[in-house]
Structures are given as structure tokens and as C-alpha cells.
């Protein structure tokens, strides 16, 4: 028994004398295995337009790098689904078409001839290069929407075999067009009806009810004067719904429109009157000086008056609460897929997050004049804050902070970002010289533990538990443990 105790004591002493782990030593973690297909290109290729291909988790090239780009389909409204299942990951390939000679090539002006095709999760081309846009619809279930290259005004639905069908939902079509910078009808617009102006419309777009908004073309009075657009709501047969005239109308989702009446004397600042209007022209909220809305934050909107923001739901537009906007600060919606929230901050007040559905406030008392980056973890317990750029002592590797709800700093970096809803980690960028031209990329978890040391010259998280990476003159796809799945050695310059 004494011998066992002596042996135990010796082991304990030896263990206590062993050196502890270095601060920058990567955390030992059980990373998930990669699955599905991954888009890749030669990071060191030197081309202005690198060529993209697809590789599988075994390192086998499924589609050779021949294309202007290959990317996973995202919803057209800018949100990003989780892509947790490899079978749900459809891709779109793009190639450049020279309109003069019909030659297909990968380089050139993006706007002058890009054509897209749909690729299955297994890497099979489901369509030809017939489209100038392919996206998912947001929500669950999702649908694949495509815009025809031979008829840019036409959107179609694609099934999971690449077959086209007609889209009958007018409101969906307009929502797609709004996010793609495309108006429902272009100049000249021909409409008929007793109240349609003689000079016609600059643009129109329809509501689900069949009514349409029309922006009357300006009348040339020979004085070369600039006039605000006059926008009215008409019935399908061209009869005015009411006499309300607006100068700006935008669709905000849920069959609702943000309609603004500008005051000529206040152009460039908040308009005189701002309303929320339904598709039949009824004013549901307003007038306020302005409305702040965000598609991912419905059913909430903010009506602004002076230094107050009034939180309203879009069911009955009752004012649920009032948020005071700091006089030297600002208020914004925060992009987060599950919880509608806003942030307020200023030069003299702490950064504050307000969850609109519960009313809970998260106040970062020790972080005055900081802002919130877009990356927040799923359960709202970790946040990335950005320090003011003019604090010179923070220029070197400390301007971006990973903190918890209590404001405890878990990690510091020159830059941190995590626009990836499919991984519990953050890409961090470390500045290694004073000229900002040398940055090294690494990987952290949400507790600030280093998963991959900052030794990469390029690092991008891919859906399916993989990374597009470059290190020591080699680029390609690796797993989350830093092991190469597929790599390309840089060619000698």
C-alpha cells in the first residue's frame, strides 16, 4: 500500500512540473467529418477571374475548374440557410458568354454576359446555362427560382430535376425583383384606364390583389426642373384607389409597403410623412418621420419621431414600447435569423441590444462607442464588438473583441467575422505588419479557443464541415482539423 502511495505521489509531482499548454496552442476538439461537395479554385492562380470546380469529401474532383464561379444556392433575400444536410445543397455554376462571337470563357466583364446553370447536390448539371440568376426562396420549404437569360423580365420555378414551371404569386415575383434591384415594369410602361396619366408611367408594379403602384412620368415644362416622382395606387383597370400621392414606395414584406411623402424643403433628411400602407392603399401606421424595417425582423417595424423609435407589430400596429435614440448616436436592426433585435449606440453611451419579441435588453456597459458586428451565435450568448477606429492603441490586433453577455472579453483580433450559420466557430484575421498588407487567418470557437493557428493566407468556411484555405503556397479544401482533402500547389511565378 505504501509503495502504491509513493508511486502515486511521484506521478503527481512529475505531472505538476510538466509545462502547461502555450496560450496559442490550438484546442483539441472533435471536429465533424466533411460531407457533400465543395466549391474550390486555385487561390494562387493569379487570374483576375479564377476558375471554379467541385470536389467531394474524398478529394475526388467531381466538376473540373472550368467555370467563372460555383456557389451554393442562397435565398434571394440575402439570408443564409443552415445547409446541415448534404442532400439539400444545390449549386449554381456561372460562365461568361461573349455576346459578339458566342465563345464561352471564364474571364470578362461580369455584367456583360454571365450565364448560370443549376447543379444537383451530387454534382450533376440539371439545366443548361439558360439563366442570369438562380436562387432559393427563403423559408421552409424552399423553392428554386431562376431568371431567364433570353427574357430577363421572366422568373420561373425550377424543381429538383431542373424542370421549369410558371410562378403565379405576383407578390413573390415583386419581392424577388426588389432584392435583385429589378422593377416590375420598365420605361415605357403602357397601362390603360380612365385615371392613367397621358404621359404614362416610369415604372409600375402589381400587388397580390391586382392593384398596381404607378410612378407617373414627369411632364416636360421646358424649364428643365427636377421633380419628385408622383406615385399612386390604381385598380387593375386603371382607376385611382384614392387620391394619396407618394414620392417613394417600397415593398417590406407581408403584403405591406413603406410609402413616403417628401417635403421639398427637407430633401436629403427625414421626409415629412412616412406611412405603412397595405396593397389596397389603406394607411395602417403613420405619419412618422421615417420607418425602419428589415425583412428578417417582421412582424416588427420601428416608427421614428425625433429621438424616439416606437416599436410596433405588423398585426395591429400598436406601439409596444419606446426606445430612446441617443442624440449623438444611432439605432439599427440587427441581422439575426431567429430573433428580431435592434442595437443602439453612440459616442457617449454603451452599446445596447434590445430583443423585440421579449423586450430583454443586453447592455455592454464597458463598451461605449463600440458597434456590433454581424456575427452572433445561435443562442445569443456570444457577440463580436468593434472598437472605434480612431483609438490608435487598438490598431494592432485588438480592435475586434469576442465577448459574452456580461461583457467579458474572450478573444481579441484585428478582424473577426462569422457569416456562417453552419459552424460553431469564427474566422479571425491577425495583422502581422504595420502596413496592413499582411494578414494571417485562423479559426476560433465561440469560447475564444484557437482551433487553427493564424498561419493561413486565406481561409473561408464552407457548408459541409470544410474550409477553402491557402497556406505555404498550397491552396484547396481541408477539413476542420486542418488536414488537406484536396490541394493545388502554387505554380512557380
Protein backbone atom coordinates (compact mmCIF):
# COMPACT_ATOMS: atom_id res chain seq x y z
CA UNK A 1 0.00 0.00 0.00
CA UNK A 2 2.87 2.38 0.88
CA UNK A 3 4.52 1.57 -2.48
CA UNK A 4 1.29 2.48 -4.31
CA UNK A 5 1.01 5.76 -2.42
CA UNK A 6 4.65 6.57 -3.17
CA UNK A 7 4.14 5.81 -6.86
CA UNK A 8 1.01 7.98 -6.97
CA UNK A 9 2.92 10.82 -5.27
CA UNK A 10 5.77 10.60 -7.81
CA UNK A 11 3.35 10.69 -10.76
CA UNK A 12 1.57 13.71 -9.27
CA UNK A 13 4.87 15.57 -8.77
CA UNK A 14 6.00 14.83 -12.33
CA UNK A 15 2.63 15.97 -13.69
CA UNK A 16 2.73 19.19 -11.66
CA UNK A 17 6.18 20.01 -13.02
CA UNK A 18 5.16 19.49 -16.66
CA UNK A 19 4.92 22.72 -18.70
CA UNK A 20 1.39 23.98 -19.30
CA UNK A 21 -0.03 24.45 -22.79
CA UNK A 22 1.08 27.55 -24.66
CA UNK A 23 -1.51 30.30 -24.98
CA UNK A 24 -1.67 29.96 -28.77
CA UNK A 25 -1.80 26.16 -28.84
CA UNK A 26 -4.87 25.03 -30.79
CA UNK A 27 -7.66 23.47 -28.77
CA UNK A 28 -8.04 19.72 -29.09
CA UNK A 29 -11.51 19.24 -30.47
CA UNK A 30 -13.51 16.53 -32.13
CA UNK A 31 -14.31 18.17 -35.45
CA UNK A 32 -17.14 16.79 -37.59
CA UNK A 33 -16.26 14.91 -40.75
CA UNK A 34 -16.72 16.77 -44.06
CA UNK A 35 -19.68 15.74 -46.20
CA UNK A 36 -21.07 16.70 -49.59
CA UNK A 37 -19.37 18.70 -52.32
CA UNK A 38 -17.18 21.78 -52.02
CA UNK A 39 -16.50 24.58 -54.49
CA UNK A 40 -12.81 25.30 -54.97
CA UNK A 41 -10.44 27.41 -57.03
CA UNK A 42 -6.70 27.98 -57.11
CA UNK A 43 -6.18 30.85 -54.67
CA UNK A 44 -2.64 31.34 -56.03
CA UNK A 45 -3.72 31.03 -59.65
CA UNK A 46 -3.06 34.67 -60.43
CA UNK A 47 -6.09 35.01 -62.72
CA UNK A 48 -8.32 38.05 -62.41
CA UNK A 49 -11.19 35.59 -62.59
CA UNK A 50 -10.19 32.25 -61.01
CA UNK A 51 -11.77 29.08 -62.36
CA UNK A 52 -14.09 27.14 -60.05
CA UNK A 53 -14.75 23.41 -59.74
CA UNK A 54 -16.36 20.96 -57.30
CA UNK A 55 -14.59 18.33 -55.19
CA UNK A 56 -16.09 15.73 -52.85
CA UNK A 57 -15.11 14.84 -49.28
CA UNK A 58 -12.75 12.12 -50.55
CA UNK A 59 -10.75 14.62 -52.58
CA UNK A 60 -12.13 13.48 -55.95
CA UNK A 61 -12.80 16.23 -58.48
CA UNK A 62 -16.46 15.98 -59.49
CA UNK A 63 -16.53 19.04 -61.76
CA UNK A 64 -13.18 20.31 -63.11
CA UNK A 65 -12.33 24.00 -62.58
CA UNK A 66 -13.75 25.41 -65.81
CA UNK A 67 -16.28 27.98 -64.56
CA UNK A 68 -16.44 31.65 -63.67
CA UNK A 69 -17.90 30.71 -60.30
CA UNK A 70 -19.63 27.86 -58.48
CA UNK A 71 -21.54 28.57 -55.29
CA UNK A 72 -24.14 27.02 -53.01
CA UNK A 73 -27.64 28.38 -53.63
CA UNK A 74 -28.67 31.06 -51.13
CA UNK A 75 -32.08 32.68 -50.69
CA UNK A 76 -32.61 35.75 -52.88
CA UNK A 77 -33.25 37.98 -49.84
CA UNK A 78 -29.70 37.60 -48.57
CA UNK A 79 -30.42 35.24 -45.67
CA UNK A 80 -28.46 32.01 -45.39
CA UNK A 81 -29.91 28.57 -44.55
CA UNK A 82 -28.01 26.08 -42.42
CA UNK A 83 -27.23 23.51 -45.14
CA UNK A 84 -26.79 20.89 -42.43
CA UNK A 85 -27.72 18.07 -44.83
CA UNK A 86 -25.52 17.48 -47.86
CA UNK A 87 -28.52 16.36 -49.96
CA UNK A 88 -30.02 19.87 -49.62
CA UNK A 89 -27.02 21.68 -51.09
CA UNK A 90 -27.74 22.66 -54.68
CA UNK A 91 -25.14 24.68 -56.57
CA UNK A 92 -25.14 27.18 -59.39
CA UNK A 93 -22.34 27.40 -61.93
CA UNK A 94 -21.67 30.57 -63.89
CA UNK A 95 -19.75 31.04 -67.10
CA UNK A 96 -19.05 34.10 -69.16
CA UNK A 97 -20.56 34.31 -72.64
CA UNK A 98 -19.08 36.65 -75.22
CA UNK A 99 -22.14 38.06 -76.96
CA UNK A 100 -20.22 39.04 -80.08
CA UNK A 101 -18.73 35.73 -81.13
CA UNK A 102 -20.61 33.27 -78.92
CA UNK A 103 -17.38 31.99 -77.37
CA UNK A 104 -17.69 30.80 -73.79
CA UNK A 105 -14.88 31.73 -71.44
CA UNK A 106 -14.36 32.37 -67.76
CA UNK A 107 -12.91 35.87 -67.81
CA UNK A 108 -14.52 39.18 -68.72
CA UNK A 109 -16.95 41.79 -67.53
CA UNK A 110 -19.38 40.18 -65.08
CA UNK A 111 -22.30 42.31 -66.24
CA UNK A 112 -21.92 41.73 -69.95
CA UNK A 113 -22.66 38.04 -70.34
CA UNK A 114 -22.86 35.81 -67.27
CA UNK A 115 -24.99 32.69 -67.71
CA UNK A 116 -25.89 30.26 -64.92
CA UNK A 117 -26.85 26.60 -64.64
CA UNK A 118 -28.24 24.51 -61.78
CA UNK A 119 -26.15 21.68 -60.30
CA UNK A 120 -27.53 18.89 -58.10
CA UNK A 121 -26.09 18.02 -54.66
CA UNK A 122 -24.35 15.08 -56.38
CA UNK A 123 -22.62 17.35 -58.89
CA UNK A 124 -24.81 16.75 -61.97
CA UNK A 125 -25.86 19.59 -64.26
CA UNK A 126 -29.66 19.76 -64.13
CA UNK A 127 -30.04 22.63 -66.64
CA UNK A 128 -28.11 24.32 -69.36
CA UNK A 129 -26.66 27.82 -68.94
CA UNK A 130 -30.00 29.49 -69.62
CA UNK A 131 -30.27 31.87 -66.63
CA UNK A 132 -28.84 35.11 -65.30
CA UNK A 133 -29.91 34.36 -61.72
CA UNK A 134 -30.69 31.23 -59.71
CA UNK A 135 -31.64 31.43 -56.02
CA UNK A 136 -33.63 29.78 -53.26
CA UNK A 137 -36.77 31.31 -51.84
CA UNK A 138 -36.42 31.95 -48.09
CA UNK A 139 -38.34 29.90 -45.53
CA UNK A 140 -39.26 26.25 -45.26
CA UNK A 141 -39.95 24.57 -47.60
CA UNK A 142 -37.76 26.39 -50.10
CA UNK A 143 -38.15 26.59 -53.86
CA UNK A 144 -35.60 27.28 -56.56
CA UNK A 145 -36.23 30.47 -58.54
CA UNK A 146 -34.44 31.33 -61.79
CA UNK A 147 -34.41 34.34 -64.13
CA UNK A 148 -34.30 33.57 -67.84
CA UNK A 149 -31.41 35.00 -69.87
CA UNK A 150 -33.49 35.16 -73.05
CA UNK A 151 -36.29 37.04 -71.24
CA UNK A 152 -34.85 38.97 -68.25
CA UNK A 153 -38.33 40.08 -67.14
CA UNK A 154 -39.35 36.45 -66.60
CA UNK A 155 -38.78 34.40 -63.46
CA UNK A 156 -39.51 30.68 -63.37
CA UNK A 157 -39.57 27.99 -60.71
CA UNK A 158 -37.17 25.05 -61.06
CA UNK A 159 -37.88 21.70 -59.43
CA UNK A 160 -35.15 19.47 -58.07
CA UNK A 161 -34.76 17.90 -61.51
CA UNK A 162 -34.25 21.22 -63.27
CA UNK A 163 -37.72 21.35 -64.89
CA UNK A 164 -39.30 24.81 -65.25
CA UNK A 165 -42.78 25.88 -64.18
CA UNK A 166 -44.70 29.17 -64.13
CA UNK A 167 -44.82 31.37 -61.00
CA UNK A 168 -48.29 32.73 -60.27
CA UNK A 169 -47.52 34.51 -56.96
CA UNK A 170 -47.18 38.15 -58.07
CA UNK A 171 -46.09 39.33 -54.64
CA UNK A 172 -43.28 36.77 -54.60
CA UNK A 173 -42.16 37.96 -58.01
CA UNK A 174 -42.00 41.55 -56.87
CA UNK A 175 -40.16 40.59 -53.69
CA UNK A 176 -37.57 38.79 -55.84
CA UNK A 177 -37.24 41.79 -58.12
CA UNK A 178 -36.88 44.19 -55.21
CA UNK A 179 -33.94 42.30 -53.76
CA UNK A 180 -32.32 41.96 -57.18
CA UNK A 181 -32.67 45.65 -57.98
CA UNK A 182 -35.27 44.98 -60.65
CA UNK A 183 -38.54 46.90 -61.03
CA UNK A 184 -41.76 45.26 -62.09
CA UNK A 185 -42.03 47.13 -65.38
CA UNK A 186 -39.59 49.43 -67.12
CA UNK A 187 -39.98 52.56 -69.16
CA UNK A 188 -42.01 52.90 -71.31
CA UNK A 189 -44.93 51.33 -69.44
CA UNK A 190 -48.27 51.03 -71.21
CA UNK A 191 -51.33 50.92 -69.00
CA UNK A 192 -54.93 51.75 -69.83
CA UNK A 193 -57.68 53.25 -67.71
CA UNK A 194 -59.63 56.45 -67.03
CA UNK A 195 -57.14 57.74 -64.42
CA UNK A 196 -53.89 56.65 -66.08
CA UNK A 197 -51.86 59.84 -66.85
CA UNK A 198 -51.50 60.75 -70.51
CA UNK A 199 -47.71 60.75 -70.33
CA UNK A 200 -47.70 57.19 -68.93
CA UNK A 201 -45.59 55.70 -66.15
CA UNK A 202 -41.88 55.47 -65.49
CA UNK A 203 -42.49 52.16 -63.72
CA UNK A 204 -45.33 50.16 -62.20
CA UNK A 205 -45.61 47.06 -60.07
CA UNK A 206 -48.58 44.98 -59.04
CA UNK A 207 -49.83 43.87 -55.66
CA UNK A 208 -51.28 40.46 -54.92
CA UNK A 209 -54.79 41.98 -55.03
CA UNK A 210 -54.22 43.02 -58.66
CA UNK A 211 -53.93 46.72 -57.86
CA UNK A 212 -50.76 48.38 -59.06
CA UNK A 213 -48.49 51.21 -57.99
CA UNK A 214 -47.65 53.60 -60.80
CA UNK A 215 -44.96 56.30 -60.90
CA UNK A 216 -46.19 58.93 -63.37
CA UNK A 217 -43.65 60.05 -65.94
CA UNK A 218 -42.62 63.70 -65.40
CA UNK A 219 -44.21 66.32 -67.64
CA UNK A 220 -41.69 68.37 -69.60
CA UNK A 221 -42.47 72.03 -68.92
CA UNK A 222 -39.43 73.29 -70.78
CA UNK A 223 -37.77 74.58 -67.61
CA UNK A 224 -35.51 71.57 -67.03
CA UNK A 225 -36.71 71.40 -63.43
CA UNK A 226 -36.22 68.36 -61.22
CA UNK A 227 -39.44 66.98 -59.77
CA UNK A 228 -40.16 64.27 -57.25
CA UNK A 229 -41.83 61.15 -58.62
CA UNK A 230 -45.58 61.06 -58.08
CA UNK A 231 -46.69 57.53 -57.18
CA UNK A 232 -50.32 56.49 -56.83
CA UNK A 233 -52.18 53.23 -56.35
CA UNK A 234 -54.55 52.14 -59.16
CA UNK A 235 -57.05 49.36 -59.62
CA UNK A 236 -56.36 46.75 -62.34
CA UNK A 237 -58.49 48.74 -64.80
CA UNK A 238 -56.60 52.00 -64.20
CA UNK A 239 -58.92 53.70 -61.70
CA UNK A 240 -57.35 55.54 -58.75
CA UNK A 241 -57.82 53.69 -55.47
CA UNK A 242 -57.60 57.01 -53.61
CA UNK A 243 -56.07 60.46 -54.01
CA UNK A 244 -52.97 59.80 -51.89
CA UNK A 245 -49.76 60.75 -53.69
CA UNK A 246 -46.37 59.42 -52.57
CA UNK A 247 -42.83 60.11 -53.68
CA UNK A 248 -41.30 56.78 -52.71
CA UNK A 249 -42.85 53.33 -52.24
CA UNK A 250 -41.09 50.07 -51.34
CA UNK A 251 -42.32 46.60 -50.51
CA UNK A 252 -41.31 45.48 -46.99
CA UNK A 253 -42.90 42.01 -46.88
CA UNK A 254 -46.16 40.58 -45.62
CA UNK A 255 -48.20 42.48 -48.24
CA UNK A 256 -47.08 45.82 -46.72
CA UNK A 257 -45.50 48.89 -48.30
CA UNK A 258 -43.45 51.74 -46.91
CA UNK A 259 -44.84 54.90 -48.56
CA UNK A 260 -43.14 58.29 -48.14
CA UNK A 261 -44.23 61.85 -48.85
CA UNK A 262 -41.19 64.10 -49.19
CA UNK A 263 -41.14 67.74 -48.23
CA UNK A 264 -39.35 69.71 -50.93
CA UNK A 265 -37.73 71.92 -48.30
CA UNK A 266 -36.36 68.96 -46.35
CA UNK A 267 -34.96 66.89 -49.17
CA UNK A 268 -31.95 64.88 -48.01
CA UNK A 269 -33.22 64.48 -44.43
CA UNK A 270 -36.12 62.57 -42.93
CA UNK A 271 -39.27 63.02 -45.03
CA UNK A 272 -42.21 64.96 -43.67
CA UNK A 273 -44.59 61.99 -43.68
CA UNK A 274 -43.95 58.27 -43.71
CA UNK A 275 -46.66 55.57 -43.71
CA UNK A 276 -47.15 51.81 -43.76
CA UNK A 277 -49.78 51.01 -46.42
CA UNK A 278 -51.43 47.77 -47.44
CA UNK A 279 -52.00 46.53 -51.00
CA UNK A 280 -55.39 48.23 -51.14
CA UNK A 281 -54.00 51.64 -50.24
CA UNK A 282 -55.16 51.75 -46.64
CA UNK A 283 -52.78 53.54 -44.28
CA UNK A 284 -52.08 51.23 -41.34
CA UNK A 285 -49.48 53.32 -39.49
CA UNK A 286 -48.23 56.88 -39.66
CA UNK A 287 -47.44 59.60 -40.16
CA UNK A 288 -43.98 59.23 -38.67
CA UNK A 289 -40.79 60.93 -39.79
CA UNK A 290 -39.49 57.61 -41.01
CA UNK A 291 -39.89 53.85 -40.65
CA UNK A 292 -37.07 51.39 -40.08
CA UNK A 293 -37.86 47.89 -41.28
CA UNK A 294 -35.97 44.73 -42.07
CA UNK A 295 -37.37 41.67 -43.81
CA UNK A 296 -35.93 39.29 -41.24
CA UNK A 297 -37.39 41.34 -38.37
CA UNK A 298 -41.07 41.18 -39.32
CA UNK A 299 -43.55 41.28 -37.59
CA UNK A 300 -41.89 44.39 -36.11
CA UNK A 301 -41.22 47.85 -37.54
CA UNK A 302 -39.85 51.00 -35.93
CA UNK A 303 -41.54 54.36 -36.39
CA UNK A 304 -39.20 57.31 -35.80
CA UNK A 305 -40.22 60.66 -34.33
CA UNK A 306 -37.48 62.93 -33.06
CA UNK A 307 -35.17 60.96 -30.77
CA UNK A 308 -37.70 58.18 -30.18
CA UNK A 309 -38.22 54.90 -32.02
CA UNK A 310 -41.65 53.36 -31.49
CA UNK A 311 -41.72 49.56 -31.75
CA UNK A 312 -44.87 48.26 -33.47
CA UNK A 313 -46.09 44.87 -34.55
CA UNK A 314 -47.50 44.49 -38.04
CA UNK A 315 -50.74 42.85 -36.92
CA UNK A 316 -52.44 45.95 -35.50
CA UNK A 317 -49.54 48.50 -35.41
CA UNK A 318 -49.91 49.18 -31.72
CA UNK A 319 -46.92 50.96 -30.16
CA UNK A 320 -45.48 48.25 -27.93
CA UNK A 321 -42.62 50.23 -26.45
CA UNK A 322 -40.50 53.32 -26.97
CA UNK A 323 -36.74 53.23 -27.47
CA UNK A 324 -34.85 56.46 -26.90
CA UNK A 325 -32.21 57.10 -29.55
CA UNK A 326 -29.07 58.78 -28.15
CA UNK A 327 -28.72 62.31 -29.50
CA UNK A 328 -25.19 61.58 -30.72
CA UNK A 329 -25.97 58.02 -31.76
CA UNK A 330 -27.99 55.71 -33.93
CA UNK A 331 -30.39 52.77 -33.99
CA UNK A 332 -30.33 49.80 -36.39
CA UNK A 333 -31.93 46.42 -36.91
CA UNK A 334 -29.50 43.56 -36.43
CA UNK A 335 -29.42 40.71 -38.93
CA UNK A 336 -30.05 37.55 -36.93
CA UNK A 337 -32.06 34.67 -38.32
CA UNK A 338 -34.03 33.67 -35.25
CA UNK A 339 -34.54 36.74 -33.08
CA UNK A 340 -35.63 40.25 -34.16
CA UNK A 341 -33.42 42.75 -32.34
CA UNK A 342 -32.11 46.29 -32.65
CA UNK A 343 -28.94 47.95 -31.47
CA UNK A 344 -28.38 51.47 -30.18
CA UNK A 345 -25.01 53.09 -29.63
CA UNK A 346 -23.34 56.49 -29.61
CA UNK A 347 -20.08 58.27 -28.89
CA UNK A 348 -21.03 58.62 -25.22
CA UNK A 349 -23.35 55.70 -24.39
CA UNK A 350 -22.80 51.93 -24.09
CA UNK A 351 -23.76 49.57 -26.87
CA UNK A 352 -27.24 48.15 -26.16
CA UNK A 353 -29.12 45.28 -27.81
CA UNK A 354 -32.90 45.07 -27.46
CA UNK A 355 -34.77 41.84 -28.27
CA UNK A 356 -38.08 42.97 -29.74
CA UNK A 357 -40.03 39.79 -29.06
CA UNK A 358 -39.22 39.65 -25.33
CA UNK A 359 -38.20 43.24 -24.56
CA UNK A 360 -34.95 41.99 -22.98
CA UNK A 361 -32.01 44.40 -23.08
CA UNK A 362 -28.35 43.41 -23.23
CA UNK A 363 -26.22 46.39 -22.19
CA UNK A 364 -22.45 46.33 -22.69
CA UNK A 365 -21.64 48.92 -20.02
CA UNK A 366 -17.88 48.77 -20.54
CA UNK A 367 -18.09 49.31 -24.29
CA UNK A 368 -19.00 52.93 -25.02
CA UNK A 369 -18.77 53.95 -28.68
CA UNK A 370 -18.46 50.33 -29.82
CA UNK A 371 -20.54 48.73 -32.52
CA UNK A 372 -21.80 45.20 -33.06
CA UNK A 373 -20.51 43.15 -35.96
CA UNK A 374 -22.95 40.92 -37.84
CA UNK A 375 -21.80 37.69 -36.25
CA UNK A 376 -23.79 36.45 -33.26
CA UNK A 377 -24.03 32.85 -32.16
CA UNK A 378 -27.25 30.87 -32.22
CA UNK A 379 -28.35 31.33 -28.60
CA UNK A 380 -27.24 34.97 -28.26
CA UNK A 381 -24.53 34.34 -25.68
CA UNK A 382 -21.52 35.47 -27.73
CA UNK A 383 -21.03 38.74 -29.59
CA UNK A 384 -18.31 40.32 -31.69
CA UNK A 385 -17.79 44.01 -30.92
CA UNK A 386 -15.77 46.51 -32.89
CA UNK A 387 -13.77 49.27 -31.22
CA UNK A 388 -13.62 52.84 -32.61
CA UNK A 389 -11.07 53.15 -35.39
CA UNK A 390 -9.50 56.32 -34.03
CA UNK A 391 -8.14 54.71 -30.88
CA UNK A 392 -4.60 54.19 -32.15
CA UNK A 393 -3.56 51.97 -29.29
CA UNK A 394 -6.06 49.39 -30.61
CA UNK A 395 -4.82 49.41 -34.20
CA UNK A 396 -2.65 46.36 -33.80
CA UNK A 397 -4.66 43.15 -33.42
CA UNK A 398 -7.10 44.38 -30.75
CA UNK A 399 -9.87 46.30 -32.47
CA UNK A 400 -12.31 43.39 -32.64
CA UNK A 401 -13.46 41.67 -29.45
CA UNK A 402 -15.29 38.41 -28.78
CA UNK A 403 -17.35 38.90 -25.60
CA UNK A 404 -20.05 37.11 -23.62
CA UNK A 405 -23.33 38.63 -22.37
CA UNK A 406 -21.63 40.01 -19.29
CA UNK A 407 -19.03 41.81 -21.40
CA UNK A 408 -16.14 39.52 -20.54
CA UNK A 409 -13.54 39.56 -23.31
CA UNK A 410 -12.90 36.03 -24.60
CA UNK A 411 -10.61 36.89 -27.53
CA UNK A 412 -9.09 39.86 -29.36
CA UNK A 413 -8.22 40.21 -33.02
CA UNK A 414 -7.55 42.67 -35.80
CA UNK A 415 -10.71 41.37 -37.50
CA UNK A 416 -13.24 38.63 -36.66
CA UNK A 417 -16.12 37.54 -38.78
CA UNK A 418 -18.50 34.63 -38.92
CA UNK A 419 -21.16 34.93 -41.61
CA UNK A 420 -21.58 31.16 -41.42
CA UNK A 421 -24.71 29.68 -39.84
CA UNK A 422 -23.32 26.17 -40.34
CA UNK A 423 -20.43 26.17 -37.85
CA UNK A 424 -19.68 26.98 -34.21
CA UNK A 425 -16.55 28.92 -34.97
CA UNK A 426 -15.20 32.28 -36.09
CA UNK A 427 -12.58 33.20 -38.66
CA UNK A 428 -10.07 35.60 -37.14
CA UNK A 429 -7.60 37.76 -39.05
CA UNK A 430 -4.34 38.85 -37.44
CA UNK A 431 -2.35 41.81 -38.72
CA UNK A 432 1.33 40.97 -38.77
CA UNK A 433 2.86 44.22 -40.00
CA UNK A 434 2.21 47.95 -39.77
CA UNK A 435 1.20 48.42 -43.41
CA UNK A 436 -1.99 46.33 -43.22
CA UNK A 437 -0.85 44.33 -46.27
CA UNK A 438 -0.07 41.10 -44.41
CA UNK A 439 -2.88 39.29 -42.64
CA UNK A 440 -2.95 35.75 -41.34
CA UNK A 441 -6.17 33.80 -40.89
CA UNK A 442 -7.07 31.40 -38.08
CA UNK A 443 -10.10 29.74 -36.54
CA UNK A 444 -11.68 30.23 -33.09
CA UNK A 445 -14.61 28.65 -31.32
CA UNK A 446 -17.23 30.78 -29.55
CA UNK A 447 -15.32 30.50 -26.28
CA UNK A 448 -12.22 32.07 -27.82
CA UNK A 449 -10.25 28.82 -28.04
CA UNK A 450 -7.89 28.62 -31.00
CA UNK A 451 -8.90 25.75 -33.28
CA UNK A 452 -6.46 26.56 -36.07
CA UNK A 453 -3.49 28.86 -35.53
CA UNK A 454 -3.37 32.08 -37.63
CA UNK A 455 -0.99 30.65 -40.21
CA UNK A 456 -3.22 30.76 -43.31
CA UNK A 457 -3.04 33.39 -46.01
CA UNK A 458 -6.68 32.61 -46.92
CA UNK A 459 -9.47 30.90 -45.03
CA UNK A 460 -13.18 30.55 -45.80
CA UNK A 461 -15.67 28.30 -44.03
CA UNK A 462 -17.67 26.07 -46.41
CA UNK A 463 -21.01 24.38 -45.71
CA UNK A 464 -20.39 20.71 -45.02
CA UNK A 465 -17.62 21.00 -42.38
CA UNK A 466 -14.77 22.08 -44.61
CA UNK A 467 -12.54 25.07 -45.36
CA UNK A 468 -11.29 26.73 -48.52
CA UNK A 469 -7.75 27.53 -47.46
CA UNK A 470 -4.29 28.63 -48.56
CA UNK A 471 -1.06 28.03 -46.68
CA UNK A 472 2.62 27.85 -47.61
CA UNK A 473 1.99 28.14 -51.34
CA UNK A 474 -0.72 25.46 -51.37
CA UNK A 475 -4.46 26.10 -51.72
CA UNK A 476 -7.52 23.90 -51.77
CA UNK A 477 -10.09 22.30 -49.47
CA UNK A 478 -9.30 20.98 -45.99
CA UNK A 479 -11.28 19.56 -43.09
CA UNK A 480 -11.85 21.50 -39.87
CA UNK A 481 -8.81 19.86 -38.31
CA UNK A 482 -6.51 21.48 -40.86
CA UNK A 483 -5.92 18.34 -42.97
CA UNK A 484 -5.94 18.68 -46.75
CA UNK A 485 -8.79 16.99 -48.58
CA UNK A 486 -7.73 18.35 -51.96
CA UNK A 487 -4.93 20.79 -52.71
CA UNK A 488 -3.19 22.57 -55.55
CA UNK A 489 0.42 23.63 -55.24
CA UNK A 490 1.10 27.14 -56.45
CA UNK A 491 2.80 27.32 -59.85
CA UNK A 492 6.24 28.99 -59.92
CA UNK A 493 5.91 32.64 -60.90
